[in-house]
Amino acid sequence: MIIGLDPRAQYTDQTNVFFSEVCRHLNSVFTRHALKNQLRQQTVEIAESDRKFKFLTSRAPIGIAITRPDGTIKYCNDHW
C-alpha cells in the first residue's frame, strides 16, 4: 500500500487522525495474519507430537494411561 500527500495541500489534524487509523487497522490485520500462521504451525506441531506419543506408547512393553481429573481414562495403550 502506498499513501502519499499532496505537497500543496495543508496537513491537518484530520489528516493525522486518518493516517493513525489506517496504521492502526493495518497493524491489526498484520497481527491477525501472524497469529493465524502461528496457530496453524502450532496445530501441526501438536498433531506431530500426538502422533509420536501414540506411536511410542503403542510399542511400550507396559501399560500406559492418561486420566482426566475426574478419573476417567483419556488415553491408554493396548497393555493397559
PDB file of N, CA and C in Angstrom:
ATOM      1  N   MET A   1       0.843  -1.157   0.000  1.00  0.00           N
ATOM      2  CA  MET A   1       0.000   0.000   0.000  1.00  0.00           C
ATOM      3  C   MET A   1       0.895   1.229   0.000  1.00  0.00           C
ATOM      4  N   ILE A   2       0.573   2.151  -0.828  1.00  0.00           N
ATOM      5  CA  ILE A   2       1.313   3.407  -0.894  1.00  0.00           C
ATOM      6  C   ILE A   2       0.330   4.543  -0.637  1.00  0.00           C
ATOM      7  N   ILE A   3       0.691   5.376   0.312  1.00  0.00           N
ATOM      8  CA  ILE A   3      -0.130   6.546   0.622  1.00  0.00           C
ATOM      9  C   ILE A   3       0.764   7.764   0.484  1.00  0.00           C
ATOM     10  N   GLY A   4       0.300   8.718  -0.254  1.00  0.00           N
ATOM     11  CA  GLY A   4       1.081   9.933  -0.444  1.00  0.00           C
ATOM     12  C   GLY A   4       0.278  11.167  -0.087  1.00  0.00           C
ATOM     13  N   LEU A   5       0.978  12.233   0.143  1.00  0.00           N
ATOM     14  CA  LEU A   5       0.349  13.509   0.453  1.00  0.00           C
ATOM     15  C   LEU A   5       0.617  14.492  -0.677  1.00  0.00           C
ATOM     16  N   ASP A   6      -0.346  15.304  -0.929  1.00  0.00           N
ATOM     17  CA  ASP A   6      -0.182  16.386  -1.895  1.00  0.00           C
ATOM     18  C   ASP A   6       0.649  17.469  -1.205  1.00  0.00           C
ATOM     19  N   PRO A   7       1.835  17.764  -1.715  1.00  0.00           N
ATOM     20  CA  PRO A   7       2.680  18.756  -1.047  1.00  0.00           C
ATOM     21  C   PRO A   7       2.054  20.152  -1.016  1.00  0.00           C
ATOM     22  N   ARG A   8       1.077  20.388  -1.858  1.00  0.00           N
ATOM     23  CA  ARG A   8       0.420  21.697  -1.853  1.00  0.00           C
ATOM     24  C   ARG A   8      -0.747  21.761  -0.877  1.00  0.00           C
ATOM     25  N   ALA A   9      -1.221  20.571  -0.418  1.00  0.00           N
ATOM     26  CA  ALA A   9      -2.368  20.540   0.496  1.00  0.00           C
ATOM     27  C   ALA A   9      -1.890  20.727   1.936  1.00  0.00           C
ATOM     28  N   GLN A  10      -2.773  21.276   2.726  1.00  0.00           N
ATOM     29  CA  GLN A  10      -2.451  21.517   4.131  1.00  0.00           C
ATOM     30  C   GLN A  10      -2.582  20.198   4.918  1.00  0.00           C
ATOM     31  N   TYR A  11      -1.591  19.926   5.744  1.00  0.00           N
ATOM     32  CA  TYR A  11      -1.604  18.739   6.604  1.00  0.00           C
ATOM     33  C   TYR A  11      -2.342  19.124   7.887  1.00  0.00           C
ATOM     34  N   THR A  12      -3.533  18.572   8.080  1.00  0.00           N
ATOM     35  CA  THR A  12      -4.379  18.976   9.209  1.00  0.00           C
ATOM     36  C   THR A  12      -4.442  17.873  10.259  1.00  0.00           C
ATOM     37  N   ASP A  13      -5.101  18.173  11.363  1.00  0.00           N
ATOM     38  CA  ASP A  13      -5.332  17.162  12.405  1.00  0.00           C
ATOM     39  C   ASP A  13      -6.176  16.009  11.865  1.00  0.00           C
ATOM     40  N   GLN A  14      -7.095  16.342  10.967  1.00  0.00           N
ATOM     41  CA  GLN A  14      -7.924  15.310  10.346  1.00  0.00           C
ATOM     42  C   GLN A  14      -7.063  14.336   9.542  1.00  0.00           C
ATOM     43  N   THR A  15      -6.080  14.855   8.855  1.00  0.00           N
ATOM     44  CA  THR A  15      -5.162  14.012   8.089  1.00  0.00           C
ATOM     45  C   THR A  15      -4.385  13.103   9.034  1.00  0.00           C
ATOM     46  N   ASN A  16      -3.936  13.656  10.135  1.00  0.00           N
ATOM     47  CA  ASN A  16      -3.196  12.890  11.133  1.00  0.00           C
ATOM     48  C   ASN A  16      -4.064  11.766  11.710  1.00  0.00           C
ATOM     49  N   VAL A  17      -5.316  12.070  12.002  1.00  0.00           N
ATOM     50  CA  VAL A  17      -6.244  11.063  12.524  1.00  0.00           C
ATOM     51  C   VAL A  17      -6.455   9.966  11.485  1.00  0.00           C
ATOM     52  N   PHE A  18      -6.633  10.361  10.233  1.00  0.00           N
ATOM     53  CA  PHE A  18      -6.834   9.388   9.164  1.00  0.00           C
ATOM     54  C   PHE A  18      -5.657   8.422   9.067  1.00  0.00           C
ATOM     55  N   PHE A  19      -4.432   8.973   9.016  1.00  0.00           N
ATOM     56  CA  PHE A  19      -3.257   8.110   8.906  1.00  0.00           C
ATOM     57  C   PHE A  19      -3.069   7.250  10.146  1.00  0.00           C
ATOM     58  N   SER A  20      -3.381   7.780  11.295  1.00  0.00           N
ATOM     59  CA  SER A  20      -3.297   6.988  12.528  1.00  0.00           C
ATOM     60  C   SER A  20      -4.260   5.809  12.483  1.00  0.00           C
ATOM     61  N   GLU A  21      -5.476   6.043  12.007  1.00  0.00           N
ATOM     62  CA  GLU A  21      -6.466   4.971  11.901  1.00  0.00           C
ATOM     63  C   GLU A  21      -6.064   3.927  10.862  1.00  0.00           C
ATOM     64  N   VAL A  22      -5.524   4.381   9.739  1.00  0.00           N
ATOM     65  CA  VAL A  22      -5.062   3.447   8.718  1.00  0.00           C
ATOM     66  C   VAL A  22      -3.934   2.579   9.292  1.00  0.00           C
ATOM     67  N   CYS A  23      -2.995   3.188   9.979  1.00  0.00           N
ATOM     68  CA  CYS A  23      -1.878   2.437  10.581  1.00  0.00           C
ATOM     69  C   CYS A  23      -2.380   1.457  11.637  1.00  0.00           C
ATOM     70  N   ARG A  24      -3.327   1.885  12.452  1.00  0.00           N
ATOM     71  CA  ARG A  24      -3.888   1.009  13.486  1.00  0.00           C
ATOM     72  C   ARG A  24      -4.573  -0.189  12.837  1.00  0.00           C
ATOM     73  N   HIS A  25      -5.352   0.067  11.811  1.00  0.00           N
ATOM     74  CA  HIS A  25      -6.051  -1.019  11.121  1.00  0.00           C
ATOM     75  C   HIS A  25      -5.065  -1.984  10.455  1.00  0.00           C
ATOM     76  N   LEU A  26      -4.072  -1.458   9.761  1.00  0.00           N
ATOM     77  CA  LEU A  26      -3.078  -2.324   9.119  1.00  0.00           C
ATOM     78  C   LEU A  26      -2.320  -3.154  10.152  1.00  0.00           C
ATOM     79  N   ASN A  27      -2.001  -2.546  11.278  1.00  0.00           N
ATOM     80  CA  ASN A  27      -1.312  -3.277  12.338  1.00  0.00           C
ATOM     81  C   ASN A  27      -2.165  -4.448  12.830  1.00  0.00           C
ATOM     82  N   SER A  28      -3.466  -4.220  12.999  1.00  0.00           N
ATOM     83  CA  SER A  28      -4.328  -5.310  13.456  1.00  0.00           C
ATOM     84  C   SER A  28      -4.448  -6.401  12.401  1.00  0.00           C
ATOM     85  N   VAL A  29      -4.473  -6.025  11.125  1.00  0.00           N
ATOM     86  CA  VAL A  29      -4.538  -7.018  10.050  1.00  0.00           C
ATOM     87  C   VAL A  29      -3.264  -7.866  10.040  1.00  0.00           C
ATOM     88  N   PHE A  30      -2.110  -7.216  10.123  1.00  0.00           N
ATOM     89  CA  PHE A  30      -0.842  -7.954  10.119  1.00  0.00           C
ATOM     90  C   PHE A  30      -0.711  -8.833  11.356  1.00  0.00           C
ATOM     91  N   THR A  31      -1.144  -8.334  12.500  1.00  0.00           N
ATOM     92  CA  THR A  31      -1.088  -9.120  13.734  1.00  0.00           C
ATOM     93  C   THR A  31      -1.981 -10.351  13.626  1.00  0.00           C
ATOM     94  N   ARG A  32      -3.195 -10.167  13.128  1.00  0.00           N
ATOM     95  CA  ARG A  32      -4.126 -11.287  12.956  1.00  0.00           C
ATOM     96  C   ARG A  32      -3.546 -12.326  11.996  1.00  0.00           C
ATOM     97  N   HIS A  33      -2.937 -11.875  10.919  1.00  0.00           N
ATOM     98  CA  HIS A  33      -2.318 -12.789   9.958  1.00  0.00           C
ATOM     99  C   HIS A  33      -1.184 -13.579  10.624  1.00  0.00           C
ATOM    100  N   ALA A  34      -0.350 -12.890  11.383  1.00  0.00           N
ATOM    101  CA  ALA A  34       0.759 -13.560  12.071  1.00  0.00           C
ATOM    102  C   ALA A  34       0.233 -14.571  13.086  1.00  0.00           C
ATOM    103  N   LEU A  35      -0.827 -14.218  13.805  1.00  0.00           N
ATOM    104  CA  LEU A  35      -1.393 -15.141  14.794  1.00  0.00           C
ATOM    105  C   LEU A  35      -2.013 -16.361  14.124  1.00  0.00           C
ATOM    106  N   LYS A  36      -2.660 -16.179  12.976  1.00  0.00           N
ATOM    107  CA  LYS A  36      -3.216 -17.314  12.244  1.00  0.00           C
ATOM    108  C   LYS A  36      -2.111 -18.260  11.800  1.00  0.00           C
ATOM    109  N   ASN A  37      -1.009 -17.704  11.307  1.00  0.00           N
ATOM    110  CA  ASN A  37       0.123 -18.538  10.891  1.00  0.00           C
ATOM    111  C   ASN A  37       0.725 -19.283  12.075  1.00  0.00           C
ATOM    112  N   GLN A  38       0.836 -18.587  13.205  1.00  0.00           N
ATOM    113  CA  GLN A  38       1.381 -19.209  14.409  1.00  0.00           C
ATOM    114  C   GLN A  38       0.469 -20.341  14.883  1.00  0.00           C
ATOM    115  N   LEU A  39      -0.831 -20.110  14.870  1.00  0.00           N
ATOM    116  CA  LEU A  39      -1.785 -21.142  15.274  1.00  0.00           C
ATOM    117  C   LEU A  39      -1.710 -22.347  14.348  1.00  0.00           C
ATOM    118  N   ARG A  40      -1.626 -22.095  13.061  1.00  0.00           N
ATOM    119  CA  ARG A  40      -1.514 -23.181  12.084  1.00  0.00           C
ATOM    120  C   ARG A  40      -0.258 -24.012  12.348  1.00  0.00           C
ATOM    121  N   GLN A  41       0.862 -23.351  12.594  1.00  0.00           N
ATOM    122  CA  GLN A  41       2.124 -24.051  12.859  1.00  0.00           C
ATOM    123  C   GLN A  41       2.047 -24.849  14.153  1.00  0.00           C
ATOM    124  N   GLN A  42       1.478 -24.268  15.190  1.00  0.00           N
ATOM    125  CA  GLN A  42       1.363 -24.969  16.466  1.00  0.00           C
ATOM    126  C   GLN A  42       0.417 -26.157  16.365  1.00  0.00           C
ATOM    127  N   THR A  43      -0.627 -26.050  15.559  1.00  0.00           N
ATOM    128  CA  THR A  43      -1.541 -27.169  15.354  1.00  0.00           C
ATOM    129  C   THR A  43      -0.818 -28.330  14.687  1.00  0.00           C
ATOM    130  N   VAL A  44       0.021 -28.021  13.710  1.00  0.00           N
ATOM    131  CA  VAL A  44       0.817 -29.061  13.042  1.00  0.00           C
ATOM    132  C   VAL A  44       1.783 -29.699  14.041  1.00  0.00           C
ATOM    133  N   GLU A  45       2.433 -28.893  14.859  1.00  0.00           N
ATOM    134  CA  GLU A  45       3.386 -29.410  15.845  1.00  0.00           C
ATOM    135  C   GLU A  45       2.695 -30.292  16.880  1.00  0.00           C
ATOM    136  N   ILE A  46       1.516 -29.893  17.329  1.00  0.00           N
ATOM    137  CA  ILE A  46       0.775 -30.690  18.316  1.00  0.00           C
ATOM    138  C   ILE A  46       0.349 -32.024  17.703  1.00  0.00           C
ATOM    139  N   ALA A  47      -0.123 -31.990  16.474  1.00  0.00           N
ATOM    140  CA  ALA A  47      -0.528 -33.231  15.808  1.00  0.00           C
ATOM    141  C   ALA A  47       0.660 -34.179  15.662  1.00  0.00           C
ATOM    142  N   GLU A  48       1.803 -33.647  15.319  1.00  0.00           N
ATOM    143  CA  GLU A  48       3.017 -34.472  15.176  1.00  0.00           C
ATOM    144  C   GLU A  48       3.443 -35.032  16.530  1.00  0.00           C
ATOM    145  N   SER A  49       3.395 -34.222  17.557  1.00  0.00           N
ATOM    146  CA  SER A  49       3.739 -34.680  18.903  1.00  0.00           C
ATOM    147  C   SER A  49       2.784 -35.776  19.362  1.00  0.00           C
ATOM    148  N   ASP A  50       1.500 -35.606  19.098  1.00  0.00           N
ATOM    149  CA  ASP A  50       0.499 -36.607  19.470  1.00  0.00           C
ATOM    150  C   ASP A  50       0.743 -37.913  18.717  1.00  0.00           C
ATOM    151  N   ARG A  51       1.069 -37.796  17.443  1.00  0.00           N
ATOM    152  CA  ARG A  51       1.358 -38.988  16.646  1.00  0.00           C
ATOM    153  C   ARG A  51       2.563 -39.745  17.201  1.00  0.00           C
ATOM    154  N   LYS A  52       3.627 -39.012  17.549  1.00  0.00           N
ATOM    155  CA  LYS A  52       4.828 -39.639  18.114  1.00  0.00           C
ATOM    156  C   LYS A  52       4.527 -40.292  19.455  1.00  0.00           C
ATOM    157  N   PHE A  53       3.748 -39.610  20.300  1.00  0.00           N
ATOM    158  CA  PHE A  53       3.395 -40.152  21.612  1.00  0.00           C
ATOM    159  C   PHE A  53       2.622 -41.461  21.453  1.00  0.00           C
ATOM    160  N   LYS A  54       1.634 -41.480  20.582  1.00  0.00           N
ATOM    161  CA  LYS A  54       0.841 -42.694  20.391  1.00  0.00           C
ATOM    162  C   LYS A  54       1.678 -43.813  19.782  1.00  0.00           C
ATOM    163  N   PHE A  55       2.589 -43.470  18.889  1.00  0.00           N
ATOM    164  CA  PHE A  55       3.479 -44.472  18.302  1.00  0.00           C
ATOM    165  C   PHE A  55       4.343 -45.104  19.389  1.00  0.00           C
ATOM    166  N   LEU A  56       4.948 -44.274  20.241  1.00  0.00           N
ATOM    167  CA  LEU A  56       5.825 -44.798  21.294  1.00  0.00           C
ATOM    168  C   LEU A  56       5.052 -45.602  22.331  1.00  0.00           C
ATOM    169  N   THR A  57       3.903 -45.099  22.765  1.00  0.00           N
ATOM    170  CA  THR A  57       3.152 -45.825  23.800  1.00  0.00           C
ATOM    171  C   THR A  57       2.537 -47.106  23.249  1.00  0.00           C
ATOM    172  N   SER A  58       2.240 -47.170  21.971  1.00  0.00           N
ATOM    173  CA  SER A  58       1.677 -48.403  21.406  1.00  0.00           C
ATOM    174  C   SER A  58       2.709 -49.525  21.381  1.00  0.00           C
ATOM    175  N   ARG A  59       3.982 -49.163  21.413  1.00  0.00           N
ATOM    176  CA  ARG A  59       5.050 -50.162  21.390  1.00  0.00           C
ATOM    177  C   ARG A  59       5.689 -50.384  22.756  1.00  0.00           C
ATOM    178  N   ALA A  60       5.220 -49.694  23.763  1.00  0.00           N
ATOM    179  CA  ALA A  60       5.775 -49.844  25.112  1.00  0.00           C
ATOM    180  C   ALA A  60       5.392 -51.210  25.682  1.00  0.00           C
ATOM    181  N   PRO A  61       6.306 -51.840  26.423  1.00  0.00           N
ATOM    182  CA  PRO A  61       6.003 -53.169  26.978  1.00  0.00           C
ATOM    183  C   PRO A  61       5.161 -53.101  28.267  1.00  0.00           C
ATOM    184  N   ILE A  62       4.784 -51.917  28.680  1.00  0.00           N
ATOM    185  CA  ILE A  62       3.987 -51.751  29.901  1.00  0.00           C
ATOM    186  C   ILE A  62       2.721 -50.962  29.576  1.00  0.00           C
ATOM    187  N   GLY A  63       1.760 -51.036  30.487  1.00  0.00           N
ATOM    188  CA  GLY A  63       0.530 -50.283  30.301  1.00  0.00           C
ATOM    189  C   GLY A  63       0.744 -48.807  30.612  1.00  0.00           C
ATOM    190  N   ILE A  64       0.215 -47.955  29.786  1.00  0.00           N
ATOM    191  CA  ILE A  64       0.315 -46.507  29.967  1.00  0.00           C
ATOM    192  C   ILE A  64      -1.083 -45.931  29.804  1.00  0.00           C
ATOM    193  N   ALA A  65      -1.466 -45.082  30.752  1.00  0.00           N
ATOM    194  CA  ALA A  65      -2.784 -44.456  30.668  1.00  0.00           C
ATOM    195  C   ALA A  65      -2.674 -42.994  31.066  1.00  0.00           C
ATOM    196  N   ILE A  66      -3.521 -42.196  30.470  1.00  0.00           N
ATOM    197  CA  ILE A  66      -3.654 -40.786  30.849  1.00  0.00           C
ATOM    198  C   ILE A  66      -5.099 -40.611  31.308  1.00  0.00           C
ATOM    199  N   THR A  67      -5.235 -40.064  32.501  1.00  0.00           N
ATOM    200  CA  THR A  67      -6.583 -39.885  33.041  1.00  0.00           C
ATOM    201  C   THR A  67      -6.921 -38.408  33.171  1.00  0.00           C
ATOM    202  N   ARG A  68      -8.205 -38.143  33.170  1.00  0.00           N
ATOM    203  CA  ARG A  68      -8.705 -36.786  33.405  1.00  0.00           C
ATOM    204  C   ARG A  68      -8.775 -36.551  34.918  1.00  0.00           C
ATOM    205  N   PRO A  69      -8.930 -35.308  35.340  1.00  0.00           N
ATOM    206  CA  PRO A  69      -9.020 -35.035  36.782  1.00  0.00           C
ATOM    207  C   PRO A  69     -10.136 -35.811  37.481  1.00  0.00           C
ATOM    208  N   ASP A  70     -11.207 -36.157  36.766  1.00  0.00           N
ATOM    209  CA  ASP A  70     -12.304 -36.896  37.399  1.00  0.00           C
ATOM    210  C   ASP A  70     -12.049 -38.404  37.435  1.00  0.00           C
ATOM    211  N   GLY A  71     -10.892 -38.842  36.918  1.00  0.00           N
ATOM    212  CA  GLY A  71     -10.520 -40.251  36.975  1.00  0.00           C
ATOM    213  C   GLY A  71     -10.847 -41.045  35.729  1.00  0.00           C
ATOM    214  N   THR A  72     -11.584 -40.492  34.813  1.00  0.00           N
ATOM    215  CA  THR A  72     -11.869 -41.230  33.583  1.00  0.00           C
ATOM    216  C   THR A  72     -10.626 -41.272  32.705  1.00  0.00           C
ATOM    217  N   ILE A  73     -10.536 -42.351  31.931  1.00  0.00           N
ATOM    218  CA  ILE A  73      -9.352 -42.538  31.100  1.00  0.00           C
ATOM    219  C   ILE A  73      -9.509 -41.734  29.811  1.00  0.00           C
ATOM    220  N   LYS A  74      -8.492 -40.913  29.568  1.00  0.00           N
ATOM    221  CA  LYS A  74      -8.456 -40.116  28.337  1.00  0.00           C
ATOM    222  C   LYS A  74      -7.750 -40.894  27.228  1.00  0.00           C
ATOM    223  N   TYR A  75      -6.704 -41.623  27.592  1.00  0.00           N
ATOM    224  CA  TYR A  75      -5.952 -42.431  26.633  1.00  0.00           C
ATOM    225  C   TYR A  75      -5.310 -43.591  27.370  1.00  0.00           C
ATOM    226  N   CYS A  76      -5.259 -44.720  26.712  1.00  0.00           N
ATOM    227  CA  CYS A  76      -4.482 -45.848  27.236  1.00  0.00           C
ATOM    228  C   CYS A  76      -4.003 -46.693  26.069  1.00  0.00           C
ATOM    229  N   ASN A  77      -2.856 -47.323  26.280  1.00  0.00           N
ATOM    230  CA  ASN A  77      -2.341 -48.201  25.228  1.00  0.00           C
ATOM    231  C   ASN A  77      -2.935 -49.588  25.395  1.00  0.00           C
ATOM    232  N   ASP A  78      -2.594 -50.508  24.489  1.00  0.00           N
ATOM    233  CA  ASP A  78      -3.187 -51.847  24.497  1.00  0.00           C
ATOM    234  C   ASP A  78      -2.799 -52.657  25.734  1.00  0.00           C
ATOM    235  N   HIS A  79      -1.649 -52.365  26.318  1.00  0.00           N
ATOM    236  CA  HIS A  79      -1.214 -53.120  27.507  1.00  0.00           C
ATOM    237  C   HIS A  79      -1.994 -52.705  28.754  1.00  0.00           C
ATOM    238  N   TRP A  80      -2.635 -51.580  28.734  1.00  0.00           N
ATOM    239  CA  TRP A  80      -3.409 -51.117  29.888  1.00  0.00           C
ATOM    240  C   TRP A  80      -4.636 -51.988  30.010  1.00  0.00           C
TER     241      TRP A  80
END
